[in-house]
Amino acid sequence: MNAIEEAIPEEALIDIFGKRHPYWKERLQALSTHFAGKRGPRVFAPIKGDSCGACRVKIASARLQRTRDGSFIACANCARFLYLASTMSSEEGSATRSRS
């Protein structure tokens, strides 16, 4: 995974995440509260190389494989939801347009 990963706006990620994982709404709210006011990424962090973009802990290759279809995974260290930005770009554009 050598593609350059860019951060996606948190609002767009919340929209995408809500559509894919509506049953994790309480966990999303709890993480939002926990990370509110802290520096750096809040609830979501991009995968950079083979590591969490927030805490830099390496992610197992089997777990990385699950993100290639656009799924979110939780970081085993910091609990943020991780995403592969290259798989979110098309949905992010549609989420941004639907809010306009």
N, C-alpha and C. Protein backbone atom coordinates (compact mmCIF):
# COMPACT_ATOMS: atom_id res chain seq x y z
N MET A 1 0.84 -1.18 0.00
CA MET A 1 0.00 0.00 0.00
C MET A 1 0.88 1.24 0.00
N ASN A 2 1.33 1.62 -1.12
CA ASN A 2 2.20 2.77 -1.22
C ASN A 2 1.47 4.01 -1.70
N ALA A 3 0.18 3.91 -1.88
CA ALA A 3 -0.59 5.07 -2.35
C ALA A 3 -0.56 6.16 -1.29
N ILE A 4 -0.56 7.39 -1.74
CA ILE A 4 -0.59 8.52 -0.82
C ILE A 4 -1.99 8.61 -0.23
N GLU A 5 -2.06 8.57 1.08
CA GLU A 5 -3.34 8.60 1.76
C GLU A 5 -3.60 10.01 2.28
N GLU A 6 -4.73 10.57 1.90
CA GLU A 6 -5.10 11.90 2.35
C GLU A 6 -6.24 11.78 3.36
N ALA A 7 -6.25 12.69 4.30
CA ALA A 7 -7.33 12.71 5.28
C ALA A 7 -8.62 13.17 4.61
N ILE A 8 -9.71 12.57 4.99
CA ILE A 8 -11.03 12.93 4.48
C ILE A 8 -11.75 13.66 5.60
N PRO A 9 -12.53 14.69 5.30
CA PRO A 9 -13.23 15.43 6.35
C PRO A 9 -14.07 14.49 7.23
N GLU A 10 -14.02 14.72 8.53
CA GLU A 10 -14.71 13.86 9.49
C GLU A 10 -16.21 13.78 9.21
N GLU A 11 -16.83 14.89 8.78
CA GLU A 11 -18.26 14.88 8.50
C GLU A 11 -18.60 13.88 7.40
N ALA A 12 -17.78 13.84 6.36
CA ALA A 12 -18.01 12.89 5.27
C ALA A 12 -17.83 11.46 5.75
N LEU A 13 -16.83 11.23 6.60
CA LEU A 13 -16.61 9.88 7.13
C LEU A 13 -17.76 9.44 8.02
N ILE A 14 -18.32 10.35 8.79
CA ILE A 14 -19.46 10.01 9.64
C ILE A 14 -20.64 9.59 8.77
N ASP A 15 -20.88 10.30 7.67
CA ASP A 15 -21.96 9.93 6.75
C ASP A 15 -21.74 8.53 6.17
N ILE A 16 -20.54 8.28 5.69
CA ILE A 16 -20.22 6.98 5.10
C ILE A 16 -20.32 5.89 6.15
N PHE A 17 -19.73 6.13 7.31
CA PHE A 17 -19.73 5.14 8.39
C PHE A 17 -21.15 4.82 8.83
N GLY A 18 -22.00 5.84 8.96
CA GLY A 18 -23.37 5.65 9.38
C GLY A 18 -24.17 4.76 8.43
N LYS A 19 -23.90 4.89 7.14
CA LYS A 19 -24.58 4.06 6.15
C LYS A 19 -24.11 2.61 6.23
N ARG A 20 -22.82 2.41 6.47
CA ARG A 20 -22.26 1.07 6.49
C ARG A 20 -22.44 0.36 7.83
N HIS A 21 -22.42 1.11 8.91
CA HIS A 21 -22.44 0.50 10.24
C HIS A 21 -23.43 1.21 11.17
N PRO A 22 -24.72 1.20 10.86
CA PRO A 22 -25.68 1.92 11.70
C PRO A 22 -25.76 1.38 13.12
N TYR A 23 -25.38 0.14 13.32
CA TYR A 23 -25.42 -0.49 14.64
C TYR A 23 -24.26 -0.07 15.54
N TRP A 24 -23.31 0.68 15.02
CA TRP A 24 -22.18 1.16 15.83
C TRP A 24 -22.37 2.63 16.22
N LYS A 25 -23.58 3.12 16.16
CA LYS A 25 -23.85 4.53 16.44
C LYS A 25 -23.43 4.91 17.86
N GLU A 26 -23.70 4.07 18.84
CA GLU A 26 -23.33 4.38 20.23
C GLU A 26 -21.82 4.44 20.40
N ARG A 27 -21.12 3.53 19.76
CA ARG A 27 -19.65 3.54 19.86
C ARG A 27 -19.08 4.79 19.20
N LEU A 28 -19.65 5.18 18.08
CA LEU A 28 -19.22 6.39 17.39
C LEU A 28 -19.42 7.61 18.28
N GLN A 29 -20.55 7.69 18.94
CA GLN A 29 -20.82 8.82 19.84
C GLN A 29 -19.87 8.81 21.04
N ALA A 30 -19.59 7.63 21.59
CA ALA A 30 -18.67 7.53 22.73
C ALA A 30 -17.26 7.98 22.34
N LEU A 31 -16.80 7.55 21.17
CA LEU A 31 -15.47 7.97 20.71
C LEU A 31 -15.43 9.46 20.42
N SER A 32 -16.50 10.00 19.86
CA SER A 32 -16.56 11.44 19.59
C SER A 32 -16.41 12.23 20.88
N THR A 33 -17.09 11.78 21.93
CA THR A 33 -16.99 12.43 23.23
C THR A 33 -15.58 12.29 23.81
N HIS A 34 -15.02 11.11 23.70
CA HIS A 34 -13.68 10.85 24.24
C HIS A 34 -12.61 11.71 23.58
N PHE A 35 -12.66 11.83 22.26
CA PHE A 35 -11.63 12.56 21.53
C PHE A 35 -11.93 14.05 21.36
N ALA A 36 -13.09 14.52 21.80
CA ALA A 36 -13.44 15.94 21.67
C ALA A 36 -12.42 16.79 22.41
N GLY A 37 -11.96 17.83 21.76
CA GLY A 37 -11.01 18.75 22.38
C GLY A 37 -9.57 18.30 22.38
N LYS A 38 -9.31 17.08 21.91
CA LYS A 38 -7.93 16.59 21.86
C LYS A 38 -7.31 16.95 20.52
N ARG A 39 -6.02 17.06 20.51
CA ARG A 39 -5.29 17.39 19.27
C ARG A 39 -5.21 16.16 18.38
N GLY A 40 -5.07 16.44 17.10
CA GLY A 40 -4.90 15.36 16.14
C GLY A 40 -6.22 14.76 15.70
N PRO A 41 -6.16 13.59 15.07
CA PRO A 41 -7.38 12.96 14.57
C PRO A 41 -8.36 12.69 15.70
N ARG A 42 -9.63 12.78 15.38
CA ARG A 42 -10.65 12.51 16.40
C ARG A 42 -11.06 11.05 16.32
N VAL A 43 -12.19 10.76 15.74
CA VAL A 43 -12.72 9.39 15.74
C VAL A 43 -12.14 8.55 14.60
N PHE A 44 -11.83 9.18 13.48
CA PHE A 44 -11.34 8.47 12.31
C PHE A 44 -9.89 8.84 12.03
N ALA A 45 -9.14 7.86 11.53
CA ALA A 45 -7.75 8.12 11.13
C ALA A 45 -7.47 7.33 9.86
N PRO A 46 -6.75 7.93 8.92
CA PRO A 46 -6.40 7.19 7.70
C PRO A 46 -5.31 6.16 7.98
N ILE A 47 -5.30 5.12 7.20
CA ILE A 47 -4.21 4.14 7.26
C ILE A 47 -3.07 4.72 6.44
N LYS A 48 -1.91 4.78 7.03
CA LYS A 48 -0.71 5.29 6.34
C LYS A 48 0.29 4.16 6.24
N GLY A 49 0.49 3.69 5.01
CA GLY A 49 1.35 2.53 4.80
C GLY A 49 0.67 1.31 5.38
N ASP A 50 1.22 0.77 6.45
CA ASP A 50 0.59 -0.36 7.13
C ASP A 50 0.36 -0.03 8.60
N SER A 51 0.19 1.28 8.90
CA SER A 51 0.05 1.73 10.28
C SER A 51 -1.14 2.66 10.46
N CYS A 52 -1.57 2.79 11.71
CA CYS A 52 -2.62 3.74 12.06
C CYS A 52 -2.09 5.15 11.85
N GLY A 53 -2.86 5.99 11.21
CA GLY A 53 -2.45 7.36 10.95
C GLY A 53 -2.46 8.24 12.18
N ALA A 54 -3.03 7.77 13.29
CA ALA A 54 -3.07 8.56 14.52
C ALA A 54 -1.97 8.16 15.50
N CYS A 55 -1.89 6.87 15.81
CA CYS A 55 -0.93 6.43 16.84
C CYS A 55 0.28 5.70 16.26
N ARG A 56 0.25 5.44 14.96
CA ARG A 56 1.36 4.83 14.22
C ARG A 56 1.63 3.37 14.58
N VAL A 57 0.69 2.70 15.21
CA VAL A 57 0.85 1.28 15.51
C VAL A 57 0.61 0.48 14.24
N LYS A 58 1.47 -0.51 13.99
CA LYS A 58 1.36 -1.32 12.78
C LYS A 58 0.10 -2.18 12.84
N ILE A 59 -0.54 -2.33 11.68
CA ILE A 59 -1.77 -3.11 11.56
C ILE A 59 -1.45 -4.44 10.89
N ALA A 60 -2.00 -5.51 11.41
CA ALA A 60 -1.78 -6.84 10.84
C ALA A 60 -2.28 -6.88 9.39
N SER A 61 -1.57 -7.60 8.56
CA SER A 61 -1.90 -7.63 7.13
C SER A 61 -3.30 -8.19 6.87
N ALA A 62 -3.76 -9.14 7.64
CA ALA A 62 -5.12 -9.68 7.45
C ALA A 62 -6.16 -8.61 7.72
N ARG A 63 -5.93 -7.77 8.70
CA ARG A 63 -6.86 -6.68 9.00
C ARG A 63 -6.80 -5.62 7.91
N LEU A 64 -5.61 -5.33 7.40
CA LEU A 64 -5.48 -4.36 6.31
C LEU A 64 -6.26 -4.82 5.09
N GLN A 65 -6.24 -6.10 4.82
CA GLN A 65 -6.94 -6.65 3.67
C GLN A 65 -8.42 -6.32 3.72
N ARG A 66 -9.00 -6.30 4.92
CA ARG A 66 -10.43 -6.01 5.07
C ARG A 66 -10.77 -4.58 4.65
N THR A 67 -9.82 -3.67 4.68
CA THR A 67 -10.10 -2.27 4.32
C THR A 67 -10.10 -2.04 2.82
N ARG A 68 -9.62 -2.97 2.06
CA ARG A 68 -9.52 -2.78 0.61
C ARG A 68 -10.89 -2.71 -0.07
N ASP A 69 -11.92 -3.22 0.60
CA ASP A 69 -13.26 -3.14 0.02
C ASP A 69 -14.02 -1.93 0.55
N GLY A 70 -13.32 -1.07 1.29
CA GLY A 70 -13.94 0.13 1.83
C GLY A 70 -14.44 -0.01 3.25
N SER A 71 -14.15 -1.13 3.90
CA SER A 71 -14.58 -1.34 5.28
C SER A 71 -13.74 -0.52 6.24
N PHE A 72 -14.32 -0.20 7.36
CA PHE A 72 -13.59 0.44 8.45
C PHE A 72 -13.12 -0.66 9.40
N ILE A 73 -11.97 -0.46 10.03
CA ILE A 73 -11.52 -1.34 11.10
C ILE A 73 -11.16 -0.45 12.29
N ALA A 74 -11.16 -1.02 13.47
CA ALA A 74 -10.80 -0.27 14.67
C ALA A 74 -9.34 -0.52 14.99
N CYS A 75 -8.62 0.53 15.36
CA CYS A 75 -7.23 0.40 15.75
C CYS A 75 -7.18 -0.33 17.09
N ALA A 76 -6.33 -1.33 17.19
CA ALA A 76 -6.20 -2.11 18.41
C ALA A 76 -5.55 -1.30 19.53
N ASN A 77 -4.88 -0.22 19.18
CA ASN A 77 -4.19 0.57 20.19
C ASN A 77 -5.01 1.78 20.64
N CYS A 78 -5.45 2.63 19.71
CA CYS A 78 -6.12 3.87 20.09
C CYS A 78 -7.64 3.84 19.92
N ALA A 79 -8.19 2.78 19.36
CA ALA A 79 -9.62 2.54 19.18
C ALA A 79 -10.27 3.40 18.10
N ARG A 80 -9.52 4.23 17.39
CA ARG A 80 -10.11 5.02 16.30
C ARG A 80 -10.51 4.10 15.16
N PHE A 81 -11.49 4.55 14.39
CA PHE A 81 -11.88 3.82 13.19
C PHE A 81 -10.91 4.17 12.08
N LEU A 82 -10.32 3.17 11.48
CA LEU A 82 -9.32 3.37 10.43
C LEU A 82 -9.95 3.11 9.07
N TYR A 83 -9.48 3.85 8.09
CA TYR A 83 -9.98 3.71 6.72
C TYR A 83 -8.84 3.87 5.74
N LEU A 84 -9.03 3.29 4.59
CA LEU A 84 -8.09 3.44 3.49
C LEU A 84 -8.66 4.52 2.59
N ALA A 85 -8.02 5.67 2.56
CA ALA A 85 -8.56 6.85 1.86
C ALA A 85 -8.85 6.58 0.40
N SER A 86 -8.05 5.77 -0.25
CA SER A 86 -8.27 5.52 -1.68
C SER A 86 -9.58 4.79 -1.94
N THR A 87 -10.11 4.08 -0.96
CA THR A 87 -11.39 3.38 -1.15
C THR A 87 -12.58 4.25 -0.76
N MET A 88 -12.33 5.39 -0.12
CA MET A 88 -13.41 6.26 0.32
C MET A 88 -13.66 7.43 -0.63
N SER A 89 -12.75 7.71 -1.53
CA SER A 89 -12.82 8.93 -2.33
C SER A 89 -14.11 9.07 -3.12
N SER A 90 -14.62 8.01 -3.72
CA SER A 90 -15.84 8.13 -4.52
C SER A 90 -17.06 8.37 -3.63
N GLU A 91 -17.12 7.71 -2.49
CA GLU A 91 -18.25 7.92 -1.58
C GLU A 91 -18.17 9.27 -0.90
N GLU A 92 -16.95 9.73 -0.64
CA GLU A 92 -16.79 11.03 0.01
C GLU A 92 -17.36 12.13 -0.88
N GLY A 93 -17.13 12.04 -2.18
CA GLY A 93 -17.66 13.03 -3.09
C GLY A 93 -19.17 13.05 -3.11
N SER A 94 -19.77 11.88 -3.08
CA SER A 94 -21.24 11.84 -3.07
C SER A 94 -21.80 12.29 -1.73
N ALA A 95 -21.11 12.01 -0.62
CA ALA A 95 -21.56 12.47 0.69
C ALA A 95 -21.48 13.99 0.78
N THR A 96 -20.43 14.57 0.24
CA THR A 96 -20.26 16.02 0.26
C THR A 96 -21.33 16.70 -0.59
N ARG A 97 -21.60 16.15 -1.77
CA ARG A 97 -22.62 16.72 -2.66
C ARG A 97 -24.01 16.63 -2.05
N SER A 98 -24.31 15.55 -1.32
CA SER A 98 -25.66 15.39 -0.76
C SER A 98 -25.92 16.37 0.37
N ARG A 99 -24.87 16.87 1.04
CA ARG A 99 -25.03 17.86 2.10
C ARG A 99 -25.17 19.27 1.55
N SER A 100 -24.78 19.50 0.30
CA SER A 100 -24.83 20.85 -0.28
C SER A 100 -26.23 21.26 -0.66
